[in-house]
Protein backbone atom coordinates (compact mmCIF):
# COMPACT_ATOMS: atom_id res chain seq x y z
CA MET A 1 18.52 3.30 42.46
CA SER A 2 16.17 0.74 44.00
CA VAL A 3 13.71 -1.64 42.39
CA LEU A 4 11.48 -3.17 45.06
CA ASN A 5 8.61 -5.66 44.65
CA SER A 6 8.44 -4.94 40.92
CA THR A 7 8.48 -6.56 37.49
CA VAL A 8 10.58 -5.06 34.69
CA SER A 9 9.76 -7.03 31.55
CA ASN A 10 9.20 -6.90 27.81
CA ASN A 11 11.18 -3.69 27.27
CA SER A 12 13.78 -2.85 24.63
CA ALA A 13 16.49 -0.26 24.01
CA THR A 14 18.59 0.64 20.97
CA ALA A 15 21.87 1.06 22.90
CA GLY A 16 22.03 -0.30 26.46
CA GLY A 17 19.78 -1.31 29.30
CA GLY A 18 16.63 -2.79 27.87
CA GLY A 19 15.26 -3.32 31.38
CA ILE A 20 17.28 -1.15 33.77
CA TYR A 21 20.00 1.39 32.92
CA VAL A 22 22.20 2.76 35.72
CA TRP A 23 24.67 5.53 34.88
CA SER A 24 26.60 5.23 38.16
CA GLY A 25 26.14 4.39 41.81
CA THR A 26 24.44 1.51 43.52
CA LEU A 27 21.56 -0.57 42.22
CA THR A 28 19.39 -2.65 44.54
CA VAL A 29 16.91 -5.13 43.09
CA ASP A 30 14.86 -6.70 45.87
CA SER A 31 11.94 -9.15 45.55
CA SER A 32 11.64 -8.33 41.85
CA THR A 33 11.82 -9.87 38.37
CA VAL A 34 13.81 -8.54 35.40
CA SER A 35 12.86 -10.67 32.39
CA ASN A 36 12.37 -10.76 28.62
CA ASN A 37 14.09 -7.43 27.93
CA SER A 38 16.28 -6.83 24.87
CA SER A 39 19.11 -4.49 23.94
CA PRO A 40 22.45 -4.67 22.12
CA ASN A 41 24.25 -4.28 25.48
CA GLY A 42 23.09 -5.21 28.97
CA ALA A 43 19.62 -6.37 28.05
CA GLY A 44 18.29 -6.92 31.58
CA ILE A 45 20.54 -4.62 33.62
CA TYR A 46 23.17 -2.27 32.23
CA MET A 47 25.60 -0.56 34.62
CA ARG A 48 27.43 2.14 32.66
CA ASN A 49 30.13 3.26 35.13
CA PRO A 50 31.72 1.43 38.03
CA GLY A 51 29.24 0.84 40.80
CA SER A 52 27.69 -2.00 42.69
CA ALA A 53 24.59 -4.12 42.36
CA ASN A 54 22.73 -5.83 45.19
CA LEU A 55 20.33 -8.53 44.03
CA VAL A 56 18.13 -9.94 46.78
CA ASN A 57 15.44 -12.60 46.34
CA SER A 58 15.01 -11.68 42.67
CA TRP A 59 14.84 -13.36 39.25
CA ILE A 60 16.91 -12.15 36.29
CA ASN A 61 16.08 -14.33 33.28
CA GLY A 62 15.16 -14.46 29.60
CA ASN A 63 16.91 -11.21 28.66
CA THR A 64 18.58 -11.02 25.23
CA ALA A 65 21.61 -8.94 24.24
CA SER A 66 22.88 -9.03 20.67
CA GLN A 67 26.41 -7.83 21.53
CA ASP A 68 27.46 -7.71 25.20
CA GLY A 69 25.34 -9.37 27.85
């Protein structure tokens, strides 16, 4: 999954991944912002199964998780 030149903000989820939820595989966030999302688990970015994340020139801030970050 790729997020390019985007803003993911002000979203919420009841389980995991208020901003971005990845079941498996590779996530690339490039020249983007993930902010002010909320969820019990993984408020900004939630990676469910083993995988990898590539964050390039991006901001991840202001996300709130009530259980696991």
